[in-house]
PDB file of N, CA and C in Angstrom:
ATOM      1  N   MET A   1      17.449  25.275  53.391  1.00  0.00           N
ATOM      2  CA  MET A   1      16.971  25.405  52.025  1.00  0.00           C
ATOM      3  C   MET A   1      17.698  25.919  51.134  1.00  0.00           C
ATOM      4  N   ARG A   2      17.800  25.717  49.819  1.00  0.00           N
ATOM      5  CA  ARG A   2      18.544  26.599  48.901  1.00  0.00           C
ATOM      6  C   ARG A   2      17.955  25.150  47.663  1.00  0.00           C
ATOM      7  N   LYS A   3      17.403  26.574  47.009  1.00  0.00           N
ATOM      8  CA  LYS A   3      16.656  25.904  45.670  1.00  0.00           C
ATOM      9  C   LYS A   3      17.045  26.661  44.425  1.00  0.00           C
ATOM     10  N   VAL A   4      18.340  26.281  43.641  1.00  0.00           N
ATOM     11  CA  VAL A   4      18.860  26.799  42.135  1.00  0.00           C
ATOM     12  C   VAL A   4      18.473  26.155  41.227  1.00  0.00           C
ATOM     13  N   VAL A   5      17.974  27.056  40.490  1.00  0.00           N
ATOM     14  CA  VAL A   5      17.236  27.055  38.773  1.00  0.00           C
ATOM     15  C   VAL A   5      18.469  27.326  38.257  1.00  0.00           C
ATOM     16  N   VAL A   6      18.699  26.467  37.123  1.00  0.00           N
ATOM     17  CA  VAL A   6      19.733  26.790  35.681  1.00  0.00           C
ATOM     18  C   VAL A   6      18.147  27.530  35.418  1.00  0.00           C
ATOM     19  N   THR A   7      18.531  28.142  34.315  1.00  0.00           N
ATOM     20  CA  THR A   7      17.473  28.538  33.245  1.00  0.00           C
ATOM     21  C   THR A   7      18.223  29.452  31.728  1.00  0.00           C
ATOM     22  N   GLY A   8      17.652  29.606  31.069  1.00  0.00           N
ATOM     23  CA  GLY A   8      18.213  30.165  29.725  1.00  0.00           C
ATOM     24  C   GLY A   8      17.364  30.108  28.481  1.00  0.00           C
ATOM     25  N   PRO A   9      17.549  30.410  27.570  1.00  0.00           N
ATOM     26  CA  PRO A   9      17.211  30.222  26.295  1.00  0.00           C
ATOM     27  C   PRO A   9      17.849  28.481  25.863  1.00  0.00           C
ATOM     28  N   GLU A  10      17.210  27.977  24.724  1.00  0.00           N
ATOM     29  CA  GLU A  10      17.093  26.877  23.862  1.00  0.00           C
ATOM     30  C   GLU A  10      19.418  26.733  23.759  1.00  0.00           C
ATOM     31  N   SER A  11      19.331  25.426  24.303  1.00  0.00           N
ATOM     32  CA  SER A  11      20.637  25.229  23.953  1.00  0.00           C
ATOM     33  C   SER A  11      21.891  26.140  24.086  1.00  0.00           C
ATOM     34  N   SER A  12      21.213  26.618  25.323  1.00  0.00           N
ATOM     35  CA  SER A  12      22.244  27.567  26.494  1.00  0.00           C
ATOM     36  C   SER A  12      23.348  26.425  27.127  1.00  0.00           C
ATOM     37  N   GLY A  13      23.163  25.722  27.316  1.00  0.00           N
ATOM     38  CA  GLY A  13      23.819  24.588  28.241  1.00  0.00           C
ATOM     39  C   GLY A  13      23.724  24.630  29.496  1.00  0.00           C
ATOM     40  N   LYS A  14      22.460  24.941  29.873  1.00  0.00           N
ATOM     41  CA  LYS A  14      21.451  24.426  30.754  1.00  0.00           C
ATOM     42  C   LYS A  14      21.532  23.041  31.406  1.00  0.00           C
ATOM     43  N   THR A  15      21.406  22.008  30.862  1.00  0.00           N
ATOM     44  CA  THR A  15      21.757  20.719  31.706  1.00  0.00           C
ATOM     45  C   THR A  15      22.626  20.828  31.753  1.00  0.00           C
ATOM     46  N   SER A  16      24.048  21.018  30.694  1.00  0.00           N
ATOM     47  CA  SER A  16      25.276  20.521  31.544  1.00  0.00           C
ATOM     48  C   SER A  16      25.871  21.528  32.284  1.00  0.00           C
ATOM     49  N   MET A  17      25.157  22.580  32.358  1.00  0.00           N
ATOM     50  CA  MET A  17      26.164  23.786  33.771  1.00  0.00           C
ATOM     51  C   MET A  17      24.902  22.822  35.074  1.00  0.00           C
ATOM     52  N   ALA A  18      23.833  22.556  35.490  1.00  0.00           N
ATOM     53  CA  ALA A  18      22.664  22.026  36.329  1.00  0.00           C
ATOM     54  C   ALA A  18      23.624  20.436  36.918  1.00  0.00           C
ATOM     55  N   GLU A  19      23.784  19.400  35.546  1.00  0.00           N
ATOM     56  CA  GLU A  19      25.007  18.603  36.351  1.00  0.00           C
ATOM     57  C   GLU A  19      26.235  18.524  36.698  1.00  0.00           C
ATOM     58  N   SER A  20      26.601  19.898  36.300  1.00  0.00           N
ATOM     59  CA  SER A  20      27.758  19.754  37.228  1.00  0.00           C
ATOM     60  C   SER A  20      27.644  20.891  38.600  1.00  0.00           C
ATOM     61  N   LEU A  21      26.587  21.171  38.331  1.00  0.00           N
ATOM     62  CA  LEU A  21      27.070  22.009  39.499  1.00  0.00           C
ATOM     63  C   LEU A  21      26.275  20.671  40.880  1.00  0.00           C
ATOM     64  N   SER A  22      25.570  19.894  40.322  1.00  0.00           N
ATOM     65  CA  SER A  22      24.891  18.913  41.162  1.00  0.00           C
ATOM     66  C   SER A  22      26.141  18.015  41.615  1.00  0.00           C
ATOM     67  N   VAL A  23      27.071  17.563  40.924  1.00  0.00           N
ATOM     68  CA  VAL A  23      28.585  16.726  40.945  1.00  0.00           C
ATOM     69  C   VAL A  23      28.773  17.647  42.078  1.00  0.00           C
ATOM     70  N   TYR A  24      29.138  18.514  41.858  1.00  0.00           N
ATOM     71  CA  TYR A  24      30.468  19.557  42.465  1.00  0.00           C
ATOM     72  C   TYR A  24      29.704  19.994  43.472  1.00  0.00           C
ATOM     73  N   PHE A  25      28.411  20.429  44.289  1.00  0.00           N
ATOM     74  CA  PHE A  25      28.114  20.165  45.330  1.00  0.00           C
ATOM     75  C   PHE A  25      26.980  19.059  45.566  1.00  0.00           C
ATOM     76  N   ASN A  26      27.312  17.813  45.209  1.00  0.00           N
ATOM     77  CA  ASN A  26      27.231  16.685  45.785  1.00  0.00           C
ATOM     78  C   ASN A  26      25.697  17.081  46.742  1.00  0.00           C
ATOM     79  N   ALA A  27      24.613  17.620  45.261  1.00  0.00           N
ATOM     80  CA  ALA A  27      22.617  17.681  45.318  1.00  0.00           C
ATOM     81  C   ALA A  27      22.721  17.285  44.413  1.00  0.00           C
ATOM     82  N   PRO A  28      21.641  16.734  44.350  1.00  0.00           N
ATOM     83  CA  PRO A  28      20.495  16.275  43.504  1.00  0.00           C
ATOM     84  C   PRO A  28      20.064  17.345  42.253  1.00  0.00           C
ATOM     85  N   LEU A  29      19.964  16.600  41.241  1.00  0.00           N
ATOM     86  CA  LEU A  29      19.376  17.402  40.450  1.00  0.00           C
ATOM     87  C   LEU A  29      18.331  17.071  40.108  1.00  0.00           C
ATOM     88  N   VAL A  30      17.356  17.926  39.958  1.00  0.00           N
ATOM     89  CA  VAL A  30      15.785  17.770  39.131  1.00  0.00           C
ATOM     90  C   VAL A  30      15.827  18.179  37.933  1.00  0.00           C
ATOM     91  N   HIS A  31      15.985  17.425  37.216  1.00  0.00           N
ATOM     92  CA  HIS A  31      15.243  17.281  35.629  1.00  0.00           C
ATOM     93  C   HIS A  31      14.319  17.842  35.457  1.00  0.00           C
ATOM     94  N   GLU A  32      14.242  17.663  33.985  1.00  0.00           N
ATOM     95  CA  GLU A  32      12.936  18.727  33.577  1.00  0.00           C
ATOM     96  C   GLU A  32      11.644  17.691  33.239  1.00  0.00           C
ATOM     97  N   TYR A  33      10.547  17.369  33.834  1.00  0.00           N
ATOM     98  CA  TYR A  33       9.792  16.521  33.754  1.00  0.00           C
ATOM     99  C   TYR A  33       9.160  16.979  32.401  1.00  0.00           C
ATOM    100  N   SER A  34       8.626  18.102  31.439  1.00  0.00           N
ATOM    101  CA  SER A  34       8.273  17.980  30.562  1.00  0.00           C
ATOM    102  C   SER A  34       8.773  16.951  29.359  1.00  0.00           C
ATOM    103  N   ARG A  35       9.895  16.789  29.952  1.00  0.00           N
ATOM    104  CA  ARG A  35      10.441  15.946  29.032  1.00  0.00           C
ATOM    105  C   ARG A  35      10.093  14.211  28.973  1.00  0.00           C
ATOM    106  N   VAL A  36       9.853  14.068  29.971  1.00  0.00           N
ATOM    107  CA  VAL A  36       9.239  12.769  30.498  1.00  0.00           C
ATOM    108  C   VAL A  36       7.398  12.841  30.244  1.00  0.00           C
ATOM    109  N   TYR A  37       7.425  13.831  30.376  1.00  0.00           N
ATOM    110  CA  TYR A  37       5.513  13.957  30.706  1.00  0.00           C
ATOM    111  C   TYR A  37       5.190  14.343  28.956  1.00  0.00           C
ATOM    112  N   LEU A  38       5.986  14.851  27.598  1.00  0.00           N
ATOM    113  CA  LEU A  38       5.919  14.951  26.528  1.00  0.00           C
ATOM    114  C   LEU A  38       6.113  13.382  25.987  1.00  0.00           C
ATOM    115  N   ASN A  39       7.028  13.008  26.128  1.00  0.00           N
ATOM    116  CA  ASN A  39       7.916  12.007  25.195  1.00  0.00           C
ATOM    117  C   ASN A  39       6.840  10.837  25.404  1.00  0.00           C
ATOM    118  N   LYS A  40       5.932  10.956  27.111  1.00  0.00           N
ATOM    119  CA  LYS A  40       4.650   9.540  26.946  1.00  0.00           C
ATOM    120  C   LYS A  40       3.591  10.485  26.341  1.00  0.00           C
ATOM    121  N   LEU A  41       3.093  11.636  25.519  1.00  0.00           N
ATOM    122  CA  LEU A  41       2.240  11.760  25.185  1.00  0.00           C
ATOM    123  C   LEU A  41       2.197  11.163  23.944  1.00  0.00           C
ATOM    124  N   ASP A  42       0.554  10.841  23.999  1.00  0.00           N
ATOM    125  CA  ASP A  42       0.452  10.214  22.166  1.00  0.00           C
ATOM    126  C   ASP A  42      -0.174  11.407  21.765  1.00  0.00           C
ATOM    127  N   ARG A  43      -0.199  12.528  21.677  1.00  0.00           N
ATOM    128  CA  ARG A  43      -0.971  13.384  20.735  1.00  0.00           C
ATOM    129  C   ARG A  43       0.148  15.295  20.842  1.00  0.00           C
ATOM    130  N   ASN A  44       0.026  16.107  19.891  1.00  0.00           N
ATOM    131  CA  ASN A  44       0.579  17.264  20.742  1.00  0.00           C
ATOM    132  C   ASN A  44       0.456  17.535  21.968  1.00  0.00           C
ATOM    133  N   TYR A  45       0.891  18.685  22.258  1.00  0.00           N
ATOM    134  CA  TYR A  45       0.535  19.391  24.354  1.00  0.00           C
ATOM    135  C   TYR A  45      -0.365  20.050  23.921  1.00  0.00           C
ATOM    136  N   ASN A  46      -1.263  20.409  24.366  1.00  0.00           N
ATOM    137  CA  ASN A  46      -2.271  21.842  24.802  1.00  0.00           C
ATOM    138  C   ASN A  46      -1.823  22.607  25.873  1.00  0.00           C
ATOM    139  N   LYS A  47      -2.214  23.933  25.886  1.00  0.00           N
ATOM    140  CA  LYS A  47      -2.395  24.486  27.367  1.00  0.00           C
ATOM    141  C   LYS A  47      -2.705  23.675  28.606  1.00  0.00           C
ATOM    142  N   GLU A  48      -3.544  22.966  28.466  1.00  0.00           N
ATOM    143  CA  GLU A  48      -3.821  22.173  29.974  1.00  0.00           C
ATOM    144  C   GLU A  48      -2.737  21.522  30.173  1.00  0.00           C
ATOM    145  N   ASP A  49      -2.032  20.672  29.420  1.00  0.00           N
ATOM    146  CA  ASP A  49      -0.786  20.133  29.519  1.00  0.00           C
ATOM    147  C   ASP A  49       0.439  20.414  30.342  1.00  0.00           C
ATOM    148  N   LEU A  50       0.369  22.097  30.006  1.00  0.00           N
ATOM    149  CA  LEU A  50       1.183  22.731  30.867  1.00  0.00           C
ATOM    150  C   LEU A  50       0.985  22.645  31.846  1.00  0.00           C
ATOM    151  N   VAL A  51      -0.591  22.289  32.815  1.00  0.00           N
ATOM    152  CA  VAL A  51      -0.446  22.526  33.604  1.00  0.00           C
ATOM    153  C   VAL A  51      -0.313  20.946  34.631  1.00  0.00           C
ATOM    154  N   GLU A  52      -0.470  20.055  33.983  1.00  0.00           N
ATOM    155  CA  GLU A  52       0.122  19.303  34.493  1.00  0.00           C
ATOM    156  C   GLU A  52       1.877  19.188  34.556  1.00  0.00           C
ATOM    157  N   ILE A  53       1.982  19.676  33.561  1.00  0.00           N
ATOM    158  CA  ILE A  53       3.883  19.642  33.549  1.00  0.00           C
ATOM    159  C   ILE A  53       4.182  20.815  34.754  1.00  0.00           C
ATOM    160  N   ALA A  54       3.720  21.468  35.021  1.00  0.00           N
ATOM    161  CA  ALA A  54       3.658  22.441  36.357  1.00  0.00           C
ATOM    162  C   ALA A  54       3.629  21.753  37.604  1.00  0.00           C
ATOM    163  N   LYS A  55       2.604  20.885  37.767  1.00  0.00           N
ATOM    164  CA  LYS A  55       2.456  20.066  38.980  1.00  0.00           C
ATOM    165  C   LYS A  55       3.318  18.755  38.644  1.00  0.00           C
ATOM    166  N   GLY A  56       3.728  18.566  38.046  1.00  0.00           N
ATOM    167  CA  GLY A  56       4.859  17.103  37.668  1.00  0.00           C
ATOM    168  C   GLY A  56       6.736  17.883  38.667  1.00  0.00           C
ATOM    169  N   GLN A  57       6.442  18.604  37.616  1.00  0.00           N
ATOM    170  CA  GLN A  57       7.875  19.569  38.075  1.00  0.00           C
ATOM    171  C   GLN A  57       8.167  19.745  39.343  1.00  0.00           C
ATOM    172  N   LEU A  58       7.216  20.440  39.841  1.00  0.00           N
ATOM    173  CA  LEU A  58       7.123  20.513  41.575  1.00  0.00           C
ATOM    174  C   LEU A  58       6.958  19.288  42.432  1.00  0.00           C
ATOM    175  N   GLN A  59       6.174  18.331  41.809  1.00  0.00           N
ATOM    176  CA  GLN A  59       6.784  16.996  42.712  1.00  0.00           C
ATOM    177  C   GLN A  59       8.401  16.582  42.763  1.00  0.00           C
ATOM    178  N   LEU A  60       8.777  16.806  41.516  1.00  0.00           N
ATOM    179  CA  LEU A  60      10.102  16.560  41.426  1.00  0.00           C
ATOM    180  C   LEU A  60      10.988  17.462  42.381  1.00  0.00           C
ATOM    181  N   GLU A  61      10.714  18.404  42.528  1.00  0.00           N
ATOM    182  CA  GLU A  61      11.350  19.470  42.976  1.00  0.00           C
ATOM    183  C   GLU A  61      11.363  18.951  44.859  1.00  0.00           C
ATOM    184  N   ASN A  62       9.983  18.862  45.444  1.00  0.00           N
ATOM    185  CA  ASN A  62       9.093  18.408  46.997  1.00  0.00           C
ATOM    186  C   ASN A  62      10.021  16.994  46.732  1.00  0.00           C
ATOM    187  N   TRP A  63      10.145  16.174  46.055  1.00  0.00           N
ATOM    188  CA  TRP A  63      11.025  15.095  46.015  1.00  0.00           C
ATOM    189  C   TRP A  63      11.950  15.277  46.671  1.00  0.00           C
ATOM    190  N   ALA A  64      12.627  15.994  45.611  1.00  0.00           N
ATOM    191  CA  ALA A  64      14.487  16.163  45.968  1.00  0.00           C
ATOM    192  C   ALA A  64      14.620  16.760  47.496  1.00  0.00           C
ATOM    193  N   LEU A  65      13.688  17.807  47.296  1.00  0.00           N
ATOM    194  CA  LEU A  65      13.742  18.352  48.739  1.00  0.00           C
ATOM    195  C   LEU A  65      13.532  17.536  50.014  1.00  0.00           C
ATOM    196  N   LYS A  66      12.718  16.549  50.373  1.00  0.00           N
ATOM    197  CA  LYS A  66      12.507  15.879  51.093  1.00  0.00           C
ATOM    198  C   LYS A  66      13.500  14.917  51.632  1.00  0.00           C
ATOM    199  N   ASP A  67      14.515  14.688  51.094  1.00  0.00           N
ATOM    200  CA  ASP A  67      15.870  14.159  51.400  1.00  0.00           C
ATOM    201  C   ASP A  67      17.495  15.149  51.489  1.00  0.00           C
ATOM    202  N   HIS A  68      17.024  16.422  51.281  1.00  0.00           N
ATOM    203  CA  HIS A  68      18.224  17.166  50.881  1.00  0.00           C
ATOM    204  C   HIS A  68      17.654  18.780  50.685  1.00  0.00           C
ATOM    205  N   GLU A  69      17.471  19.198  52.018  1.00  0.00           N
ATOM    206  CA  GLU A  69      16.927  20.327  52.587  1.00  0.00           C
ATOM    207  C   GLU A  69      17.683  21.528  52.215  1.00  0.00           C
ATOM    208  N   ASP A  70      19.055  21.338  52.479  1.00  0.00           N
ATOM    209  CA  ASP A  70      19.757  22.166  52.066  1.00  0.00           C
ATOM    210  C   ASP A  70      20.727  22.739  51.035  1.00  0.00           C
ATOM    211  N   LEU A  71      20.140  21.668  49.818  1.00  0.00           N
ATOM    212  CA  LEU A  71      20.812  22.026  48.434  1.00  0.00           C
ATOM    213  C   LEU A  71      19.519  21.247  47.120  1.00  0.00           C
ATOM    214  N   ILE A  72      19.035  21.918  46.202  1.00  0.00           N
ATOM    215  CA  ILE A  72      18.554  21.115  45.162  1.00  0.00           C
ATOM    216  C   ILE A  72      18.921  21.860  44.189  1.00  0.00           C
ATOM    217  N   ILE A  73      19.315  21.023  42.693  1.00  0.00           N
ATOM    218  CA  ILE A  73      19.725  22.106  42.005  1.00  0.00           C
ATOM    219  C   ILE A  73      18.838  21.889  40.659  1.00  0.00           C
ATOM    220  N   CYS A  74      17.826  22.119  40.098  1.00  0.00           N
ATOM    221  CA  CYS A  74      16.367  21.797  39.262  1.00  0.00           C
ATOM    222  C   CYS A  74      17.271  22.629  37.858  1.00  0.00           C
ATOM    223  N   ASP A  75      16.886  21.944  36.696  1.00  0.00           N
ATOM    224  CA  ASP A  75      17.164  21.949  35.377  1.00  0.00           C
ATOM    225  C   ASP A  75      15.891  22.814  34.626  1.00  0.00           C
ATOM    226  N   THR A  76      15.203  23.341  35.431  1.00  0.00           N
ATOM    227  CA  THR A  76      14.396  24.363  34.656  1.00  0.00           C
ATOM    228  C   THR A  76      13.258  24.648  35.710  1.00  0.00           C
ATOM    229  N   SER A  77      11.741  25.659  36.170  1.00  0.00           N
ATOM    230  CA  SER A  77      11.541  26.079  36.745  1.00  0.00           C
ATOM    231  C   SER A  77      10.028  26.637  36.367  1.00  0.00           C
ATOM    232  N   LEU A  78       9.175  26.242  37.071  1.00  0.00           N
ATOM    233  CA  LEU A  78       8.173  26.763  36.759  1.00  0.00           C
ATOM    234  C   LEU A  78       7.689  27.612  35.852  1.00  0.00           C
ATOM    235  N   GLU A  79       8.416  29.264  36.063  1.00  0.00           N
ATOM    236  CA  GLU A  79       8.919  29.913  35.141  1.00  0.00           C
ATOM    237  C   GLU A  79       8.964  30.030  33.802  1.00  0.00           C
ATOM    238  N   VAL A  80       9.853  29.115  33.589  1.00  0.00           N
ATOM    239  CA  VAL A  80       9.781  29.000  32.488  1.00  0.00           C
ATOM    240  C   VAL A  80       8.724  28.032  31.465  1.00  0.00           C
ATOM    241  N   ILE A  81       7.690  27.534  32.191  1.00  0.00           N
ATOM    242  CA  ILE A  81       6.514  27.091  31.870  1.00  0.00           C
ATOM    243  C   ILE A  81       5.960  27.837  32.046  1.00  0.00           C
ATOM    244  N   LYS A  82       5.237  29.586  32.907  1.00  0.00           N
ATOM    245  CA  LYS A  82       4.770  29.956  32.533  1.00  0.00           C
ATOM    246  C   LYS A  82       4.932  30.698  31.329  1.00  0.00           C
ATOM    247  N   ILE A  83       6.493  31.471  31.272  1.00  0.00           N
ATOM    248  CA  ILE A  83       6.540  32.474  30.122  1.00  0.00           C
ATOM    249  C   ILE A  83       6.549  31.256  28.491  1.00  0.00           C
ATOM    250  N   TRP A  84       6.426  30.278  29.007  1.00  0.00           N
ATOM    251  CA  TRP A  84       6.591  29.392  27.557  1.00  0.00           C
ATOM    252  C   TRP A  84       4.558  29.615  27.014  1.00  0.00           C
ATOM    253  N   SER A  85       4.086  29.261  28.121  1.00  0.00           N
ATOM    254  CA  SER A  85       2.240  29.539  28.064  1.00  0.00           C
ATOM    255  C   SER A  85       2.290  30.594  27.372  1.00  0.00           C
ATOM    256  N   GLU A  86       2.778  32.125  28.066  1.00  0.00           N
ATOM    257  CA  GLU A  86       2.256  33.074  27.458  1.00  0.00           C
ATOM    258  C   GLU A  86       2.595  33.228  26.091  1.00  0.00           C
ATOM    259  N   TYR A  87       4.287  32.359  25.690  1.00  0.00           N
ATOM    260  CA  TYR A  87       4.813  33.072  24.996  1.00  0.00           C
ATOM    261  C   TYR A  87       3.455  32.169  23.623  1.00  0.00           C
ATOM    262  N   LYS A  88       3.508  30.858  23.827  1.00  0.00           N
ATOM    263  CA  LYS A  88       2.536  30.387  22.850  1.00  0.00           C
ATOM    264  C   LYS A  88       1.611  30.636  22.630  1.00  0.00           C
ATOM    265  N   TYR A  89       0.623  30.317  23.978  1.00  0.00           N
ATOM    266  CA  TYR A  89      -0.455  30.869  24.093  1.00  0.00           C
ATOM    267  C   TYR A  89      -1.332  32.124  24.410  1.00  0.00           C
ATOM    268  N   ASP A  90      -0.129  33.496  24.685  1.00  0.00           N
ATOM    269  CA  ASP A  90      -0.967  34.656  25.169  1.00  0.00           C
ATOM    270  C   ASP A  90      -1.446  34.487  26.352  1.00  0.00           C
ATOM    271  N   SER A  91      -1.281  33.417  26.813  1.00  0.00           N
ATOM    272  CA  SER A  91      -2.238  33.614  28.556  1.00  0.00           C
ATOM    273  C   SER A  91      -1.234  32.265  29.740  1.00  0.00           C
ATOM    274  N   CYS A  92      -1.297  32.782  30.650  1.00  0.00           N
ATOM    275  CA  CYS A  92      -0.664  31.546  31.463  1.00  0.00           C
ATOM    276  C   CYS A  92      -2.460  31.002  32.625  1.00  0.00           C
ATOM    277  N   ASP A  93      -2.196  29.930  32.349  1.00  0.00           N
ATOM    278  CA  ASP A  93      -3.284  29.405  33.702  1.00  0.00           C
ATOM    279  C   ASP A  93      -3.018  29.887  34.849  1.00  0.00           C
ATOM    280  N   PRO A  94      -3.957  30.715  35.757  1.00  0.00           N
ATOM    281  CA  PRO A  94      -3.605  30.803  36.746  1.00  0.00           C
ATOM    282  C   PRO A  94      -3.044  30.123  38.239  1.00  0.00           C
ATOM    283  N   LEU A  95      -3.648  28.366  38.093  1.00  0.00           N
ATOM    284  CA  LEU A  95      -2.995  28.013  39.045  1.00  0.00           C
ATOM    285  C   LEU A  95      -0.772  27.605  38.500  1.00  0.00           C
ATOM    286  N   ILE A  96      -1.057  27.738  37.456  1.00  0.00           N
ATOM    287  CA  ILE A  96       0.745  27.930  37.523  1.00  0.00           C
ATOM    288  C   ILE A  96       1.272  29.189  37.976  1.00  0.00           C
ATOM    289  N   ILE A  97       0.831  29.944  37.553  1.00  0.00           N
ATOM    290  CA  ILE A  97       1.281  31.460  38.209  1.00  0.00           C
ATOM    291  C   ILE A  97       0.757  31.309  39.855  1.00  0.00           C
ATOM    292  N   ASP A  98       0.152  31.099  40.407  1.00  0.00           N
ATOM    293  CA  ASP A  98      -0.292  30.747  41.924  1.00  0.00           C
ATOM    294  C   ASP A  98       1.027  29.860  42.828  1.00  0.00           C
ATOM    295  N   LEU A  99       1.826  29.251  41.646  1.00  0.00           N
ATOM    296  CA  LEU A  99       2.135  27.500  42.084  1.00  0.00           C
ATOM    297  C   LEU A  99       3.839  28.197  42.381  1.00  0.00           C
ATOM    298  N   LEU A 100       3.893  29.100  41.238  1.00  0.00           N
ATOM    299  CA  LEU A 100       5.388  29.633  41.063  1.00  0.00           C
ATOM    300  C   LEU A 100       5.298  30.589  41.826  1.00  0.00           C
ATOM    301  N   LYS A 101       4.557  31.123  42.124  1.00  0.00           N
ATOM    302  CA  LYS A 101       4.538  32.314  43.336  1.00  0.00           C
ATOM    303  C   LYS A 101       4.650  31.175  44.690  1.00  0.00           C
ATOM    304  N   LYS A 102       4.555  30.562  45.016  1.00  0.00           N
ATOM    305  CA  LYS A 102       4.709  29.728  45.908  1.00  0.00           C
ATOM    306  C   LYS A 102       5.963  29.409  46.234  1.00  0.00           C
ATOM    307  N   ASN A 103       6.601  28.882  45.444  1.00  0.00           N
ATOM    308  CA  ASN A 103       7.546  28.040  45.054  1.00  0.00           C
ATOM    309  C   ASN A 103       8.577  28.702  44.421  1.00  0.00           C
ATOM    310  N   LEU A 104       9.444  29.880  44.801  1.00  0.00           N
ATOM    311  CA  LEU A 104       9.863  30.648  44.270  1.00  0.00           C
ATOM    312  C   LEU A 104      11.463  30.227  44.532  1.00  0.00           C
ATOM    313  N   PRO A 105      12.048  29.719  43.385  1.00  0.00           N
ATOM    314  CA  PRO A 105      13.822  29.173  43.778  1.00  0.00           C
ATOM    315  C   PRO A 105      14.568  30.495  44.435  1.00  0.00           C
ATOM    316  N   ASP A 106      15.812  30.350  45.446  1.00  0.00           N
ATOM    317  CA  ASP A 106      16.764  30.698  46.183  1.00  0.00           C
ATOM    318  C   ASP A 106      17.398  31.585  45.335  1.00  0.00           C
ATOM    319  N   VAL A 107      18.043  31.286  44.065  1.00  0.00           N
ATOM    320  CA  VAL A 107      18.896  31.659  43.070  1.00  0.00           C
ATOM    321  C   VAL A 107      18.636  31.049  41.628  1.00  0.00           C
ATOM    322  N   TYR A 108      18.276  31.931  40.329  1.00  0.00           N
ATOM    323  CA  TYR A 108      18.395  32.062  38.998  1.00  0.00           C
ATOM    324  C   TYR A 108      20.110  32.018  38.499  1.00  0.00           C
ATOM    325  N   LEU A 109      19.907  31.300  37.776  1.00  0.00           N
ATOM    326  CA  LEU A 109      21.186  30.804  37.274  1.00  0.00           C
ATOM    327  C   LEU A 109      20.916  31.128  35.794  1.00  0.00           C
ATOM    328  N   LEU A 110      21.457  31.892  35.208  1.00  0.00           N
ATOM    329  CA  LEU A 110      20.392  32.324  33.879  1.00  0.00           C
ATOM    330  C   LEU A 110      21.924  32.266  32.871  1.00  0.00           C
ATOM    331  N   MET A 111      21.614  31.366  32.012  1.00  0.00           N
ATOM    332  CA  MET A 111      22.487  31.152  30.851  1.00  0.00           C
ATOM    333  C   MET A 111      22.857  31.673  29.692  1.00  0.00           C
ATOM    334  N   LYS A 112      23.450  32.323  29.062  1.00  0.00           N
ATOM    335  CA  LYS A 112      23.983  32.640  28.403  1.00  0.00           C
ATOM    336  C   LYS A 112      23.976  31.785  26.851  1.00  0.00           C
ATOM    337  N   PRO A 113      23.553  31.984  25.509  1.00  0.00           N
ATOM    338  CA  PRO A 113      23.718  31.423  24.456  1.00  0.00           C
ATOM    339  C   PRO A 113      24.728  31.561  23.800  1.00  0.00           C
ATOM    340  N   ASP A 114      25.287  30.524  23.942  1.00  0.00           N
ATOM    341  CA  ASP A 114      26.658  31.531  23.393  1.00  0.00           C
ATOM    342  C   ASP A 114      27.682  29.791  23.004  1.00  0.00           C
ATOM    343  N   LEU A 115      26.375  28.982  22.887  1.00  0.00           N
ATOM    344  CA  LEU A 115      26.816  27.607  22.333  1.00  0.00           C
ATOM    345  C   LEU A 115      26.348  27.393  20.610  1.00  0.00           C
ATOM    346  N   PRO A 116      26.784  26.474  19.790  1.00  0.00           N
ATOM    347  CA  PRO A 116      25.991  26.075  19.062  1.00  0.00           C
ATOM    348  C   PRO A 116      24.089  26.027  18.873  1.00  0.00           C
ATOM    349  N   TRP A 117      23.959  26.454  18.608  1.00  0.00           N
ATOM    350  CA  TRP A 117      22.232  26.078  18.618  1.00  0.00           C
ATOM    351  C   TRP A 117      22.568  24.433  17.918  1.00  0.00           C
ATOM    352  N   GLU A 118      21.147  24.022  18.852  1.00  0.00           N
ATOM    353  CA  GLU A 118      20.833  22.794  18.782  1.00  0.00           C
ATOM    354  C   GLU A 118      18.972  22.372  18.785  1.00  0.00           C
ATOM    355  N   PRO A 119      18.418  22.361  17.754  1.00  0.00           N
ATOM    356  CA  PRO A 119      17.312  22.376  17.634  1.00  0.00           C
ATOM    357  C   PRO A 119      16.711  21.523  19.133  1.00  0.00           C
ATOM    358  N   ASP A 120      15.048  21.484  19.635  1.00  0.00           N
ATOM    359  CA  ASP A 120      14.719  20.854  20.706  1.00  0.00           C
ATOM    360  C   ASP A 120      13.910  19.902  19.586  1.00  0.00           C
ATOM    361  N   PRO A 121      13.601  19.455  19.717  1.00  0.00           N
ATOM    362  CA  PRO A 121      11.902  18.812  19.095  1.00  0.00           C
ATOM    363  C   PRO A 121      10.906  18.098  19.652  1.00  0.00           C
ATOM    364  N   LEU A 122      11.145  18.463  21.177  1.00  0.00           N
ATOM    365  CA  LEU A 122       9.648  18.740  21.894  1.00  0.00           C
ATOM    366  C   LEU A 122       9.299  20.293  21.986  1.00  0.00           C
ATOM    367  N   ARG A 123      10.033  21.201  21.597  1.00  0.00           N
ATOM    368  CA  ARG A 123       9.769  22.430  21.506  1.00  0.00           C
ATOM    369  C   ARG A 123       8.886  22.487  20.337  1.00  0.00           C
TER     370      ARG A 123
END
């Protein structure tokens, strides 16, 4: 099994790269669960929501791996959730850290922010 995570700063082309890799390698693309979760939320998110987002992200990855054990492409990772939690709340829930340690990707592709910046309303 190989799990490739496309990561990097906001507006650096992560989603476009992940989509291109998915098509090129004919591998499933695991989208960013936080977008689904936050769009359904009827309030501002809080630190506890990040745990639910991490669980949902991991569930999407596991579903993809169920049918495609050789390769999946991920548009984000639990590491991004960990970093965001530490940035926004000065700490990270131990469950997120534990899930991250147990589900590390095989490859990280770090994108450089060399595109025109576009704000993300979910951040």
